[in-house]
Protein backbone atom coordinates (compact mmCIF):
# COMPACT_ATOMS: atom_id res chain seq x y z
CA MET A 1 290.79 -104.08 -71.00
CA PHE A 2 287.76 -103.52 -73.21
CA LEU A 3 286.20 -101.10 -70.74
CA GLU A 4 289.47 -99.22 -70.37
CA GLY A 5 289.79 -98.86 -74.15
CA GLN A 6 286.20 -97.65 -74.45
CA TRP A 7 286.72 -95.08 -71.68
CA ALA A 8 289.91 -93.88 -73.34
CA MET A 9 287.89 -93.21 -76.49
CA HIS A 10 285.85 -90.56 -74.68
CA GLU A 11 288.56 -88.52 -72.97
CA PHE A 12 292.28 -88.27 -72.29
CA LEU A 13 294.11 -87.06 -69.19
CA LEU A 14 296.82 -84.49 -69.84
CA LEU A 15 299.94 -84.10 -67.72
CA ALA A 16 299.43 -81.81 -64.75
CA PHE A 17 301.94 -79.02 -64.17
CA ALA A 18 301.70 -79.15 -60.38
CA ASP A 19 299.90 -80.88 -57.53
CA THR A 20 299.30 -77.92 -55.24
CA ARG A 21 296.65 -75.28 -55.94
CA GLU A 22 299.07 -72.39 -55.49
CA LEU A 23 301.46 -73.71 -58.14
CA GLN A 24 298.56 -74.43 -60.51
CA LEU A 25 297.43 -70.82 -60.26
CA LEU A 26 301.01 -69.65 -60.73
CA HIS A 27 301.24 -71.68 -63.94
CA PHE A 28 297.95 -70.17 -65.07
CA VAL A 29 299.29 -66.63 -64.54
CA LEU A 30 302.58 -67.43 -66.31
CA PHE A 31 300.83 -69.00 -69.31
CA GLN A 32 298.39 -66.12 -69.46
CA GLY A 33 301.32 -63.68 -69.60
CA ILE A 34 303.01 -65.69 -72.36
CA TYR A 35 299.79 -65.96 -74.34
CA LEU A 36 298.97 -62.26 -74.05
CA ALA A 37 302.52 -61.36 -75.11
CA ALA A 38 302.16 -63.57 -78.20
CA LEU A 39 298.76 -62.05 -79.02
CA LEU A 40 300.10 -58.51 -78.62
CA GLY A 41 303.33 -59.03 -80.57
CA ASN A 42 301.85 -60.91 -83.49
CA GLY A 43 298.74 -58.74 -83.51
CA LEU A 44 300.91 -55.63 -83.88
CA ILE A 45 302.86 -57.28 -86.72
CA LEU A 46 299.62 -58.15 -88.52
CA SER A 47 298.11 -54.69 -88.04
CA THR A 48 301.29 -52.89 -89.08
CA ILE A 49 301.74 -54.86 -92.30
CA ALA A 50 298.05 -54.69 -93.19
CA CYS A 51 297.78 -50.91 -92.62
CA HIS A 52 300.95 -49.75 -94.43
CA HIS A 53 300.96 -50.11 -98.19
CA ARG A 54 304.74 -49.79 -98.44
CA LEU A 55 304.98 -53.04 -96.52
CA HIS A 56 302.86 -54.87 -99.09
CA THR A 57 305.87 -56.70 -100.52
CA PRO A 58 306.65 -60.43 -100.74
CA MET A 59 308.92 -60.39 -97.67
CA TYR A 60 306.26 -58.83 -95.47
CA PHE A 61 303.53 -60.98 -97.00
CA PHE A 62 305.32 -64.07 -95.74
CA LEU A 63 306.02 -62.34 -92.42
CA LEU A 64 302.27 -61.73 -92.11
CA ASN A 65 301.73 -65.45 -92.74
CA LEU A 66 304.30 -66.25 -90.04
CA ALA A 67 302.47 -64.06 -87.51
CA LEU A 68 299.15 -65.75 -88.33
CA LEU A 69 300.73 -69.19 -87.92
CA ASP A 70 302.35 -68.25 -84.61
CA LEU A 71 298.98 -67.09 -83.30
CA GLY A 72 297.33 -70.31 -84.46
CA CYS A 73 300.07 -72.52 -83.00
CA ILE A 74 300.06 -70.99 -79.52
CA SER A 75 296.25 -70.74 -79.47
CA THR A 76 296.03 -74.51 -80.04
CA THR A 77 297.89 -75.46 -76.86
CA LEU A 78 297.98 -72.73 -74.21
CA PRO A 79 294.25 -71.90 -73.74
CA LYS A 80 293.44 -75.51 -72.81
CA ALA A 81 296.48 -75.67 -70.52
CA MET A 82 295.39 -72.42 -68.83
CA ALA A 83 291.84 -73.72 -68.38
CA ASN A 84 293.09 -76.98 -66.85
CA ALA A 85 295.37 -75.10 -64.45
CA LEU A 86 292.61 -72.66 -63.47
CA TRP A 87 289.90 -75.27 -62.93
CA ASP A 88 292.22 -77.97 -61.48
CA THR A 89 291.48 -80.61 -64.10
CA ARG A 90 293.43 -82.75 -66.55
CA ALA A 91 290.67 -83.98 -68.84
CA ILE A 92 290.37 -83.28 -72.55
CA SER A 93 287.72 -84.89 -74.73
CA TYR A 94 288.60 -87.36 -77.47
CA GLN A 95 287.40 -84.88 -80.10
CA GLY A 96 289.30 -82.05 -78.41
CA CYS A 97 292.49 -84.10 -78.36
CA ALA A 98 292.11 -84.96 -82.05
CA ALA A 99 291.51 -81.28 -82.84
CA GLN A 100 294.64 -80.29 -80.90
CA VAL A 101 296.75 -82.81 -82.79
CA PHE A 102 295.36 -81.69 -86.15
CA PHE A 103 295.68 -77.93 -85.63
CA PHE A 104 299.09 -78.11 -83.96
CA LEU A 105 300.50 -80.25 -86.78
CA PHE A 106 298.81 -78.01 -89.32
CA PHE A 107 300.18 -74.73 -87.99
CA ILE A 108 303.67 -75.98 -87.19
CA SER A 109 304.00 -77.70 -90.60
CA VAL A 110 302.84 -74.62 -92.52
CA GLU A 111 305.17 -72.45 -90.43
CA TYR A 112 308.15 -74.59 -91.41
CA TYR A 113 307.17 -74.51 -95.09
CA ASN A 114 306.64 -70.75 -94.83
CA LEU A 115 310.12 -70.31 -93.35
CA THR A 116 311.51 -72.32 -96.26
CA ILE A 117 309.74 -70.02 -98.73
CA MET A 118 311.10 -66.99 -96.87
CA ALA A 119 314.61 -68.38 -97.36
CA TYR A 120 313.89 -68.62 -101.11
CA ASP A 121 312.60 -65.03 -101.07
CA ARG A 122 315.82 -63.79 -99.46
CA TYR A 123 317.91 -65.87 -101.90
CA VAL A 124 316.22 -64.35 -104.95
CA ALA A 125 316.34 -60.81 -103.50
CA ILE A 126 320.11 -60.98 -102.87
CA CYS A 127 321.42 -63.42 -105.47
CA LYS A 128 319.04 -62.64 -108.37
CA PRO A 129 317.79 -59.09 -107.74
CA LEU A 130 317.12 -58.35 -111.43
CA HIS A 131 314.70 -61.29 -111.64
CA TYR A 132 313.01 -60.68 -108.28
CA GLY A 133 309.84 -59.21 -109.76
CA SER A 134 309.28 -62.19 -112.05
CA LEU A 135 310.35 -64.96 -109.66
CA VAL A 136 308.64 -63.62 -106.54
CA GLY A 137 305.72 -61.63 -107.90
CA SER A 138 302.27 -61.40 -106.35
CA ARG A 139 301.02 -64.44 -108.26
CA ALA A 140 304.08 -66.52 -107.31
CA CYS A 141 303.68 -65.48 -103.66
CA ALA A 142 300.03 -66.55 -103.64
CA GLN A 143 300.91 -69.89 -105.25
CA MET A 144 303.75 -70.60 -102.81
CA ALA A 145 301.62 -69.64 -99.81
CA ALA A 146 298.76 -71.83 -101.07
CA ALA A 147 301.20 -74.72 -101.54
CA ALA A 148 302.51 -74.29 -97.98
CA TRP A 149 299.03 -74.14 -96.42
CA GLY A 150 297.78 -77.02 -98.56
CA SER A 151 300.79 -79.21 -97.76
CA GLY A 152 300.40 -78.49 -94.06
CA PHE A 153 296.72 -79.42 -94.22
CA LEU A 154 297.46 -82.74 -95.94
CA ASN A 155 300.26 -83.49 -93.46
CA ALA A 156 297.96 -82.77 -90.49
CA VAL A 157 295.13 -84.89 -91.94
CA LEU A 158 297.51 -87.79 -92.63
CA HIS A 159 298.96 -87.93 -89.12
CA THR A 160 295.72 -87.21 -87.30
CA ALA A 161 293.83 -89.90 -89.21
CA ASN A 162 296.62 -92.45 -88.75
CA THR A 163 297.08 -91.70 -85.05
CA PHE A 164 293.43 -91.79 -84.03
CA SER A 165 292.65 -94.89 -86.09
CA LEU A 166 295.02 -96.91 -83.89
CA PRO A 167 293.57 -99.04 -81.07
CA LEU A 168 294.58 -97.66 -77.68
CA CYS A 169 295.53 -100.37 -75.20
CA GLN A 170 297.68 -98.51 -72.66
CA GLY A 171 295.14 -96.34 -70.85
CA ASN A 172 294.31 -92.70 -71.54
CA ALA A 173 296.99 -90.68 -69.68
CA VAL A 174 298.99 -88.48 -72.07
CA ASP A 175 302.42 -87.57 -70.69
CA GLN A 176 302.30 -84.02 -72.02
CA PHE A 177 300.36 -80.80 -71.34
CA PHE A 178 298.75 -81.03 -74.80
CA CYS A 179 297.95 -83.85 -77.19
CA GLU A 180 300.85 -84.68 -79.50
CA VAL A 181 301.43 -87.67 -81.74
CA PRO A 182 304.45 -89.31 -79.98
CA GLN A 183 302.67 -89.35 -76.62
CA ILE A 184 299.47 -90.82 -78.08
CA LEU A 185 301.48 -93.49 -79.92
CA LYS A 186 302.71 -94.67 -76.51
CA LEU A 187 299.09 -95.57 -75.70
CA SER A 188 298.62 -97.74 -78.79
CA CYS A 189 299.06 -101.49 -79.02
CA SER A 190 302.65 -102.64 -79.42
CA ASP A 191 302.33 -103.74 -83.07
CA ALA A 192 299.74 -101.22 -84.25
CA TYR A 193 301.82 -98.05 -84.55
CA LEU A 194 304.02 -99.05 -87.51
CA ARG A 195 301.71 -97.36 -90.01
CA GLU A 196 302.05 -94.01 -88.23
CA VAL A 197 305.82 -94.53 -87.97
CA GLY A 198 305.90 -94.84 -91.77
CA ALA A 199 304.00 -91.54 -92.10
CA LEU A 200 306.42 -89.93 -89.64
CA VAL A 201 309.39 -91.11 -91.72
CA PHE A 202 307.84 -89.52 -94.81
CA SER A 203 307.26 -86.21 -92.99
CA ILE A 204 310.76 -86.22 -91.53
CA SER A 205 312.20 -86.80 -95.01
CA LEU A 206 310.22 -83.84 -96.35
CA ALA A 207 311.31 -81.69 -93.41
CA PHE A 208 314.94 -82.67 -94.00
CA GLY A 209 314.58 -81.67 -97.66
CA CYS A 210 313.32 -78.22 -96.55
CA PHE A 211 316.25 -77.97 -94.13
CA VAL A 212 318.75 -78.73 -96.89
CA PHE A 213 317.07 -76.13 -99.12
CA ILE A 214 317.36 -73.48 -96.38
CA VAL A 215 321.04 -74.30 -95.76
CA VAL A 216 321.91 -74.23 -99.48
CA SER A 217 320.01 -70.94 -99.90
CA TYR A 218 321.96 -69.29 -97.09
CA VAL A 219 325.28 -70.62 -98.37
CA GLN A 220 324.52 -68.94 -101.71
CA ILE A 221 323.38 -65.77 -99.91
CA LEU A 222 326.57 -65.65 -97.84
CA ARG A 223 328.73 -66.05 -100.94
CA ALA A 224 326.83 -63.28 -102.73
CA VAL A 225 327.02 -60.92 -99.76
CA LEU A 226 330.77 -61.42 -99.32
CA ARG A 227 331.28 -60.51 -102.99
CA MET A 228 329.46 -57.18 -102.59
CA PRO A 229 331.90 -54.26 -102.92
CA SER A 230 329.83 -51.89 -100.78
CA VAL A 231 329.95 -52.19 -96.99
CA GLN A 232 326.53 -50.55 -96.81
CA GLY A 233 325.14 -53.11 -99.24
CA ARG A 234 326.53 -55.98 -97.17
CA HIS A 235 325.05 -54.48 -94.00
CA LYS A 236 321.62 -54.07 -95.62
CA ALA A 237 321.66 -57.65 -96.93
CA PHE A 238 322.65 -59.04 -93.54
CA SER A 239 320.03 -56.96 -91.75
CA THR A 240 317.26 -58.47 -93.92
CA CYS A 241 318.55 -62.04 -93.53
CA LEU A 242 319.54 -62.19 -89.86
CA PRO A 243 315.99 -61.97 -88.44
CA HIS A 244 314.83 -64.83 -90.66
CA LEU A 245 317.92 -66.87 -89.85
CA ALA A 246 317.36 -66.30 -86.13
CA VAL A 247 313.69 -67.36 -86.40
CA VAL A 248 314.63 -70.51 -88.37
CA SER A 249 317.35 -71.40 -85.85
CA LEU A 250 315.00 -70.93 -82.89
CA PHE A 251 312.32 -73.05 -84.57
CA LEU A 252 314.67 -75.89 -85.57
CA ILE A 253 316.66 -76.00 -82.32
CA THR A 254 313.58 -76.22 -80.09
CA VAL A 255 311.77 -78.77 -82.29
CA MET A 256 314.86 -80.94 -82.86
CA PHE A 257 315.71 -80.97 -79.16
CA ALA A 258 312.13 -81.90 -78.33
CA TYR A 259 311.96 -84.87 -80.71
CA LEU A 260 315.59 -85.95 -81.21
CA LYS A 261 317.03 -85.70 -77.70
CA PRO A 262 318.63 -88.94 -76.40
CA PRO A 263 316.27 -91.23 -74.44
CA SER A 264 318.84 -91.35 -71.63
CA ILE A 265 318.14 -87.71 -70.70
CA SER A 266 314.40 -87.91 -71.27
CA SER A 267 312.09 -87.46 -68.29
CA PRO A 268 308.48 -86.24 -67.86
CA SER A 269 309.60 -82.92 -66.35
CA LEU A 270 312.20 -82.28 -69.07
CA ASP A 271 309.75 -83.25 -71.81
CA LEU A 272 307.26 -80.81 -70.33
CA VAL A 273 309.74 -77.92 -70.25
CA VAL A 274 310.95 -78.63 -73.79
CA ALA A 275 307.37 -78.84 -75.09
CA VAL A 276 306.62 -75.41 -73.59
CA LEU A 277 309.77 -74.04 -75.23
CA TYR A 278 309.06 -75.25 -78.77
CA SER A 279 305.30 -74.60 -78.70
CA ALA A 280 305.18 -71.27 -76.84
CA LEU A 281 308.61 -69.61 -77.12
CA PRO A 282 308.79 -68.99 -80.91
CA PRO A 283 305.36 -67.26 -81.16
CA VAL A 284 306.45 -64.85 -78.40
CA VAL A 285 310.02 -64.22 -79.59
CA ASN A 286 309.49 -64.06 -83.37
CA PRO A 287 307.78 -60.61 -83.36
CA LEU A 288 310.60 -59.25 -81.19
CA ILE A 289 313.27 -60.60 -83.54
CA TYR A 290 311.71 -59.04 -86.62
CA SER A 291 310.73 -55.73 -85.04
CA MET A 292 314.16 -55.19 -83.45
CA ARG A 293 316.18 -55.76 -86.63
CA ASN A 294 313.85 -54.27 -89.26
CA LYS A 295 313.92 -50.47 -89.56
CA GLU A 296 310.99 -50.31 -91.98
CA LEU A 297 308.82 -52.40 -89.68
CA LYS A 298 309.82 -50.38 -86.61
CA GLU A 299 309.02 -47.12 -88.37
CA ALA A 300 305.65 -48.40 -89.60
CA LEU A 301 304.86 -49.71 -86.11
CA ARG A 302 305.77 -46.37 -84.56
CA MET A 303 303.49 -44.56 -87.02
CA LEU A 304 300.65 -46.98 -86.30
CA LEU A 305 300.97 -46.47 -82.54
CA GLN A 306 301.18 -42.70 -82.91
CA TYR A 307 298.09 -42.70 -85.12
CA SER A 308 296.21 -44.88 -82.62
CA VAL A 309 297.13 -42.59 -79.71
CA PHE A 310 296.17 -39.51 -81.75
CA GLN A 311 292.81 -40.99 -82.72
CA LYS A 312 292.14 -41.97 -79.10
CA GLY A 313 293.05 -38.49 -77.89
CA THR A 314 290.82 -36.89 -80.52
CA GLY A 315 287.95 -39.12 -79.46
CA LEU A 316 288.39 -38.12 -75.82
CA LEU A 317 288.38 -34.42 -76.77
CA HIS A 318 285.02 -34.88 -78.49
CA LEU A 319 283.62 -36.31 -75.25
CA ILE A 320 284.62 -33.23 -73.23
CA PRO A 321 281.63 -30.83 -73.00
């Protein structure tokens, strides 16, 4: 038992997607496609917002944060999974596993807090438009963003330190394609995980508080929109809120199903599929949701692409003798 525990301290074995080489390569190609789509979509969002001054508003500032967080979240899990599938291995070092846990918790926590702030931004814009400049000014945006990133950092440090301070007595095989806290807790001694359970209860309580805040904000938004006399005003308000509401719903549904599904329907294959959905699906879909429903963003993106094509064409003309 001592030797097993010492070996487990040096590396973990992640869950393999397939046993045959052909299926492993297929998974590599699929994950590569998903990862490149996330890089392209979120990269375009970042470039568009950064390059167009008329998008330098609080709503797009938090959307820029969301794109950064989506890139960080998917970059924490998929590259290692692609490398394992390509090189036919399951191993991840102890330090690499700890880094995965920390960064995944960090990015997904900050993303949730950022979505909560975005709900507050929409609430102020629709329910208190005359006070929008004072309540959601540049200084307030910076403070709220700093609070979200700082809270996510503390949450990630708390859970990572608690999880990896536990003695591991159940081997080193993690039943997931990346290192996550619930799977590592299964490897701990039977009476040693209560401290981390207490930290999880605290985080769940905080997450529930954010959820209540989002629900209350949208109830107030819905009431305010229904009282608007102008049909055009109602349409504009809904068009700015629906993308955020869709992103929040996608985030919460995938995460809640992953962690709150009944044990009776739990299985390694289902857990694997659900983990791919909540860790990889939102970073790919979020840019599509915002770009499809937002006319300002679509127009700015079109201008950016046209400018890039024009610059490329001009550069090619200079090369022609």
